[in-house]
Amino acid sequence: MQDIICAICGTNQQILQLYPANFKISTLSSYTFSARRNPDKIHYRSNRCLRCGLIFSSPIFSDKKISELYSKSICSYRPQTKHLSKTYIELFETNIPFTSRNISILEIGCGNGFFLNELLKRGYKNLYGIDPSKKMVSETPYIIKKNIKKSIFKKGLFKANKF
């Protein structure tokens, strides 16, 4: 496990732990690693940067371990995506101060694109995603899939200041 600093401020000196991690490393597999799973609901420790408000996980697995687990992950929460889309949209439109539908939006860990698809329905045009699961990316609607990268998030995947 490795500690992560705030991607915006470049520091972890001023963070608030929102939720502690709730798993044992020895019990993780590609199946249990997938997000939004019932009934276990496992997650890393979640933190909020007190300088800029970014919510992020730390500590996390190495890039190599994350790639290995995520590349084999599946969508075990398909029946919930309709409700997740509604919740995500409400949170997005309440907390993101953009009125233009022409902004560029990147969803990291977009899975099969259900949230990006909801943004598209609401008139947002410049939608991008990244997900390391081959299966999940293959299930993304074509109109969104052209802007999805099958990878983990890393430097150089997109032009600087695109989002």
C-alpha atoms as a PDB file:
ATOM      1  CA  MET A   1       0.000   0.000   0.000  1.00  0.00           C
ATOM      2  CA  GLN A   2       1.216   3.491  -0.785  1.00  0.00           C
ATOM      3  CA  ASP A   3       0.165   6.900   0.527  1.00  0.00           C
ATOM      4  CA  ILE A   4      -1.320   9.340  -1.978  1.00  0.00           C
ATOM      5  CA  ILE A   5      -1.192  13.130  -1.771  1.00  0.00           C
ATOM      6  CA  CYS A   6      -3.899  15.507  -2.998  1.00  0.00           C
ATOM      7  CA  ALA A   7      -3.733  15.600  -6.797  1.00  0.00           C
ATOM      8  CA  ILE A   8      -4.727  19.269  -6.851  1.00  0.00           C
ATOM      9  CA  CYS A   9      -2.795  20.789  -3.938  1.00  0.00           C
ATOM     10  CA  GLY A  10       0.135  18.374  -3.943  1.00  0.00           C
ATOM     11  CA  THR A  11      -0.005  17.787  -0.204  1.00  0.00           C
ATOM     12  CA  ASN A  12      -1.542  15.432   2.311  1.00  0.00           C
ATOM     13  CA  GLN A  13      -0.793  17.583   5.318  1.00  0.00           C
ATOM     14  CA  GLN A  14      -4.330  18.920   5.619  1.00  0.00           C
ATOM     15  CA  ILE A  15      -6.743  16.038   5.151  1.00  0.00           C
ATOM     16  CA  LEU A  16      -9.812  14.867   6.981  1.00  0.00           C
ATOM     17  CA  GLN A  17     -10.542  11.137   7.039  1.00  0.00           C
ATOM     18  CA  LEU A  18     -14.144  10.686   5.920  1.00  0.00           C
ATOM     19  CA  TYR A  19     -14.318   6.883   6.081  1.00  0.00           C
ATOM     20  CA  PRO A  20     -11.779   4.295   7.249  1.00  0.00           C
ATOM     21  CA  ALA A  21     -10.828   1.400   4.972  1.00  0.00           C
ATOM     22  CA  ASN A  22     -12.983  -1.626   5.673  1.00  0.00           C
ATOM     23  CA  PHE A  23     -11.171  -4.593   4.140  1.00  0.00           C
ATOM     24  CA  LYS A  24      -8.258  -6.925   4.685  1.00  0.00           C
ATOM     25  CA  ILE A  25      -5.659  -6.987   1.929  1.00  0.00           C
ATOM     26  CA  SER A  26      -5.510 -10.785   2.044  1.00  0.00           C
ATOM     27  CA  THR A  27      -9.204 -11.103   1.111  1.00  0.00           C
ATOM     28  CA  LEU A  28      -9.139  -8.999  -2.075  1.00  0.00           C
ATOM     29  CA  SER A  29      -9.540 -10.488  -5.519  1.00  0.00           C
ATOM     30  CA  SER A  30     -10.594  -9.116  -8.914  1.00  0.00           C
ATOM     31  CA  TYR A  31     -14.191  -9.876  -7.935  1.00  0.00           C
ATOM     32  CA  THR A  32     -14.181  -8.204  -4.526  1.00  0.00           C
ATOM     33  CA  PHE A  33     -12.148  -5.276  -5.835  1.00  0.00           C
ATOM     34  CA  SER A  34     -14.973  -4.020  -8.074  1.00  0.00           C
ATOM     35  CA  ALA A  35     -16.727  -0.914  -6.768  1.00  0.00           C
ATOM     36  CA  ARG A  36     -20.270  -0.601  -5.422  1.00  0.00           C
ATOM     37  CA  ARG A  37     -20.562  -4.241  -4.448  1.00  0.00           C
ATOM     38  CA  ASN A  38     -23.202  -5.712  -2.210  1.00  0.00           C
ATOM     39  CA  PRO A  39     -23.219  -7.021   0.424  1.00  0.00           C
ATOM     40  CA  ASP A  40     -19.580  -6.280   1.360  1.00  0.00           C
ATOM     41  CA  LYS A  41     -19.347  -2.615   0.255  1.00  0.00           C
ATOM     42  CA  ILE A  42     -15.560  -2.611   0.573  1.00  0.00           C
ATOM     43  CA  HIS A  43     -13.563   0.580   0.104  1.00  0.00           C
ATOM     44  CA  TYR A  44     -10.229   2.250   0.750  1.00  0.00           C
ATOM     45  CA  ARG A  45      -9.880   4.953   3.397  1.00  0.00           C
ATOM     46  CA  SER A  46     -11.566   8.086   1.995  1.00  0.00           C
ATOM     47  CA  ASN A  47     -10.127  11.535   2.730  1.00  0.00           C
ATOM     48  CA  ARG A  48     -11.052  15.145   1.975  1.00  0.00           C
ATOM     49  CA  CYS A  49      -8.353  17.728   1.300  1.00  0.00           C
ATOM     50  CA  LEU A  50      -9.062  20.648   3.617  1.00  0.00           C
ATOM     51  CA  ARG A  51      -7.386  23.090   1.221  1.00  0.00           C
ATOM     52  CA  CYS A  52      -9.338  22.396  -1.996  1.00  0.00           C
ATOM     53  CA  GLY A  53     -12.073  19.910  -1.060  1.00  0.00           C
ATOM     54  CA  LEU A  54     -10.897  17.048  -3.304  1.00  0.00           C
ATOM     55  CA  ILE A  55     -12.069  13.670  -2.022  1.00  0.00           C
ATOM     56  CA  PHE A  56      -9.504  10.934  -2.581  1.00  0.00           C
ATOM     57  CA  SER A  57      -8.414   7.541  -1.300  1.00  0.00           C
ATOM     58  CA  SER A  58      -5.164   6.943   0.535  1.00  0.00           C
ATOM     59  CA  PRO A  59      -3.348   4.684   1.044  1.00  0.00           C
ATOM     60  CA  ILE A  60      -3.951   2.646  -2.109  1.00  0.00           C
ATOM     61  CA  PHE A  61      -2.425  -0.309  -3.925  1.00  0.00           C
ATOM     62  CA  SER A  62       0.467   0.142  -6.343  1.00  0.00           C
ATOM     63  CA  ASP A  63      -0.326   0.905  -9.990  1.00  0.00           C
ATOM     64  CA  LYS A  64       0.667  -2.641 -10.918  1.00  0.00           C
ATOM     65  CA  LYS A  65      -1.716  -4.227  -8.388  1.00  0.00           C
ATOM     66  CA  ILE A  66      -4.546  -1.833  -9.267  1.00  0.00           C
ATOM     67  CA  SER A  67      -4.120  -2.592 -12.981  1.00  0.00           C
ATOM     68  CA  GLU A  68      -4.153  -6.319 -12.303  1.00  0.00           C
ATOM     69  CA  LEU A  69      -7.326  -6.191 -10.212  1.00  0.00           C
ATOM     70  CA  TYR A  70      -9.239  -3.628 -12.267  1.00  0.00           C
ATOM     71  CA  SER A  71      -8.457  -5.166 -15.651  1.00  0.00           C
ATOM     72  CA  LYS A  72     -10.367  -8.255 -14.536  1.00  0.00           C
ATOM     73  CA  SER A  73     -13.188  -6.430 -12.767  1.00  0.00           C
ATOM     74  CA  ILE A  74     -16.828  -6.684 -13.769  1.00  0.00           C
ATOM     75  CA  CYS A  75     -20.019  -4.696 -13.287  1.00  0.00           C
ATOM     76  CA  SER A  76     -21.817  -6.586 -10.556  1.00  0.00           C
ATOM     77  CA  TYR A  77     -24.106  -3.619  -9.851  1.00  0.00           C
ATOM     78  CA  ARG A  78     -25.914  -3.391 -13.222  1.00  0.00           C
ATOM     79  CA  PRO A  79     -29.426  -3.300 -11.671  1.00  0.00           C
ATOM     80  CA  GLN A  80     -28.380  -0.276  -9.609  1.00  0.00           C
ATOM     81  CA  THR A  81     -27.029   1.872 -12.481  1.00  0.00           C
ATOM     82  CA  LYS A  82     -30.370   3.596 -13.136  1.00  0.00           C
ATOM     83  CA  HIS A  83     -30.471   4.801  -9.536  1.00  0.00           C
ATOM     84  CA  LEU A  84     -26.728   5.527  -9.458  1.00  0.00           C
ATOM     85  CA  SER A  85     -27.082   7.701 -12.581  1.00  0.00           C
ATOM     86  CA  LYS A  86     -29.840   9.718 -10.937  1.00  0.00           C
ATOM     87  CA  THR A  87     -27.805  10.173  -7.746  1.00  0.00           C
ATOM     88  CA  TYR A  88     -24.596  11.052  -9.621  1.00  0.00           C
ATOM     89  CA  ILE A  89     -26.398  13.597 -11.837  1.00  0.00           C
ATOM     90  CA  GLU A  90     -28.019  15.281  -8.839  1.00  0.00           C
ATOM     91  CA  LEU A  91     -24.656  15.497  -7.064  1.00  0.00           C
ATOM     92  CA  PHE A  92     -22.894  16.676 -10.222  1.00  0.00           C
ATOM     93  CA  GLU A  93     -25.382  19.404 -11.072  1.00  0.00           C
ATOM     94  CA  THR A  94     -25.632  20.539  -7.442  1.00  0.00           C
ATOM     95  CA  ASN A  95     -21.894  20.696  -6.792  1.00  0.00           C
ATOM     96  CA  ILE A  96     -20.260  21.519 -10.129  1.00  0.00           C
ATOM     97  CA  PRO A  97     -20.676  25.241 -10.884  1.00  0.00           C
ATOM     98  CA  PHE A  98     -20.724  24.948 -14.683  1.00  0.00           C
ATOM     99  CA  THR A  99     -23.663  26.101 -16.734  1.00  0.00           C
ATOM    100  CA  SER A 100     -22.122  25.389 -20.145  1.00  0.00           C
ATOM    101  CA  ARG A 101     -22.850  22.019 -21.723  1.00  0.00           C
ATOM    102  CA  ASN A 102     -19.632  22.414 -23.776  1.00  0.00           C
ATOM    103  CA  ILE A 103     -17.183  21.825 -20.920  1.00  0.00           C
ATOM    104  CA  SER A 104     -14.924  18.774 -21.134  1.00  0.00           C
ATOM    105  CA  ILE A 105     -15.760  16.143 -18.525  1.00  0.00           C
ATOM    106  CA  LEU A 106     -13.570  13.165 -17.598  1.00  0.00           C
ATOM    107  CA  GLU A 107     -14.907  10.271 -15.543  1.00  0.00           C
ATOM    108  CA  ILE A 108     -12.119   8.186 -14.067  1.00  0.00           C
ATOM    109  CA  GLY A 109     -13.378   4.653 -13.590  1.00  0.00           C
ATOM    110  CA  CYS A 110     -16.317   5.072 -15.955  1.00  0.00           C
ATOM    111  CA  GLY A 111     -17.106   1.351 -16.128  1.00  0.00           C
ATOM    112  CA  ASN A 112     -19.677   0.796 -18.865  1.00  0.00           C
ATOM    113  CA  GLY A 113     -20.307   4.541 -19.229  1.00  0.00           C
ATOM    114  CA  PHE A 114     -23.698   4.704 -17.497  1.00  0.00           C
ATOM    115  CA  PHE A 115     -22.969   8.102 -15.899  1.00  0.00           C
ATOM    116  CA  LEU A 116     -21.401   9.554 -19.052  1.00  0.00           C
ATOM    117  CA  ASN A 117     -24.469   8.361 -20.961  1.00  0.00           C
ATOM    118  CA  GLU A 118     -26.704  10.239 -18.500  1.00  0.00           C
ATOM    119  CA  LEU A 119     -24.607  13.386 -18.995  1.00  0.00           C
ATOM    120  CA  LEU A 120     -24.996  12.957 -22.763  1.00  0.00           C
ATOM    121  CA  LYS A 121     -28.795  12.743 -22.386  1.00  0.00           C
ATOM    122  CA  ARG A 122     -28.681  16.033 -20.482  1.00  0.00           C
ATOM    123  CA  GLY A 123     -26.839  17.817 -23.284  1.00  0.00           C
ATOM    124  CA  TYR A 124     -23.208  17.623 -22.194  1.00  0.00           C
ATOM    125  CA  LYS A 125     -21.076  17.133 -25.299  1.00  0.00           C
ATOM    126  CA  ASN A 126     -17.382  16.668 -24.519  1.00  0.00           C
ATOM    127  CA  LEU A 127     -17.443  13.480 -22.492  1.00  0.00           C
ATOM    128  CA  TYR A 128     -14.418  11.306 -21.821  1.00  0.00           C
ATOM    129  CA  GLY A 129     -13.781   8.294 -19.678  1.00  0.00           C
ATOM    130  CA  ILE A 130     -11.099   5.947 -18.575  1.00  0.00           C
ATOM    131  CA  ASP A 131     -11.492   2.414 -17.275  1.00  0.00           C
ATOM    132  CA  PRO A 132      -9.037  -0.485 -17.177  1.00  0.00           C
ATOM    133  CA  SER A 133     -11.633  -3.254 -17.556  1.00  0.00           C
ATOM    134  CA  LYS A 134     -11.777  -4.586 -21.099  1.00  0.00           C
ATOM    135  CA  LYS A 135     -15.224  -6.064 -20.426  1.00  0.00           C
ATOM    136  CA  MET A 136     -16.617  -2.803 -19.059  1.00  0.00           C
ATOM    137  CA  VAL A 137     -15.248  -0.666 -21.894  1.00  0.00           C
ATOM    138  CA  SER A 138     -16.680  -3.147 -24.421  1.00  0.00           C
ATOM    139  CA  GLU A 139     -20.163  -2.526 -22.955  1.00  0.00           C
ATOM    140  CA  THR A 140     -19.957   1.274 -23.305  1.00  0.00           C
ATOM    141  CA  PRO A 141     -22.429   2.776 -25.812  1.00  0.00           C
ATOM    142  CA  TYR A 142     -20.683   3.512 -29.131  1.00  0.00           C
ATOM    143  CA  ILE A 143     -21.300   7.255 -29.049  1.00  0.00           C
ATOM    144  CA  ILE A 144     -19.343   7.414 -25.774  1.00  0.00           C
ATOM    145  CA  LYS A 145     -16.883   4.575 -26.432  1.00  0.00           C
ATOM    146  CA  LYS A 146     -14.900   6.632 -28.966  1.00  0.00           C
ATOM    147  CA  ASN A 147     -13.775   8.863 -26.066  1.00  0.00           C
ATOM    148  CA  ILE A 148     -13.035   6.070 -23.574  1.00  0.00           C
ATOM    149  CA  LYS A 149      -9.480   4.935 -22.893  1.00  0.00           C
ATOM    150  CA  LYS A 150      -8.931   1.396 -21.605  1.00  0.00           C
ATOM    151  CA  SER A 151      -6.266   2.051 -19.018  1.00  0.00           C
ATOM    152  CA  ILE A 152      -5.664   3.155 -15.482  1.00  0.00           C
ATOM    153  CA  PHE A 153      -5.415   6.905 -15.002  1.00  0.00           C
ATOM    154  CA  LYS A 154      -1.857   8.076 -15.498  1.00  0.00           C
ATOM    155  CA  LYS A 155       0.031  11.115 -16.670  1.00  0.00           C
ATOM    156  CA  GLY A 156       0.003  11.816 -20.390  1.00  0.00           C
ATOM    157  CA  LEU A 157      -3.281  10.113 -21.342  1.00  0.00           C
ATOM    158  CA  PHE A 158      -4.900  13.459 -22.085  1.00  0.00           C
ATOM    159  CA  LYS A 159      -3.605  16.907 -23.032  1.00  0.00           C
ATOM    160  CA  ALA A 160      -2.713  19.141 -20.109  1.00  0.00           C
ATOM    161  CA  ASN A 161      -5.533  21.411 -18.928  1.00  0.00           C
ATOM    162  CA  LYS A 162      -8.133  19.612 -21.063  1.00  0.00           C
ATOM    163  CA  PHE A 163     -10.530  19.215 -18.161  1.00  0.00           C
END
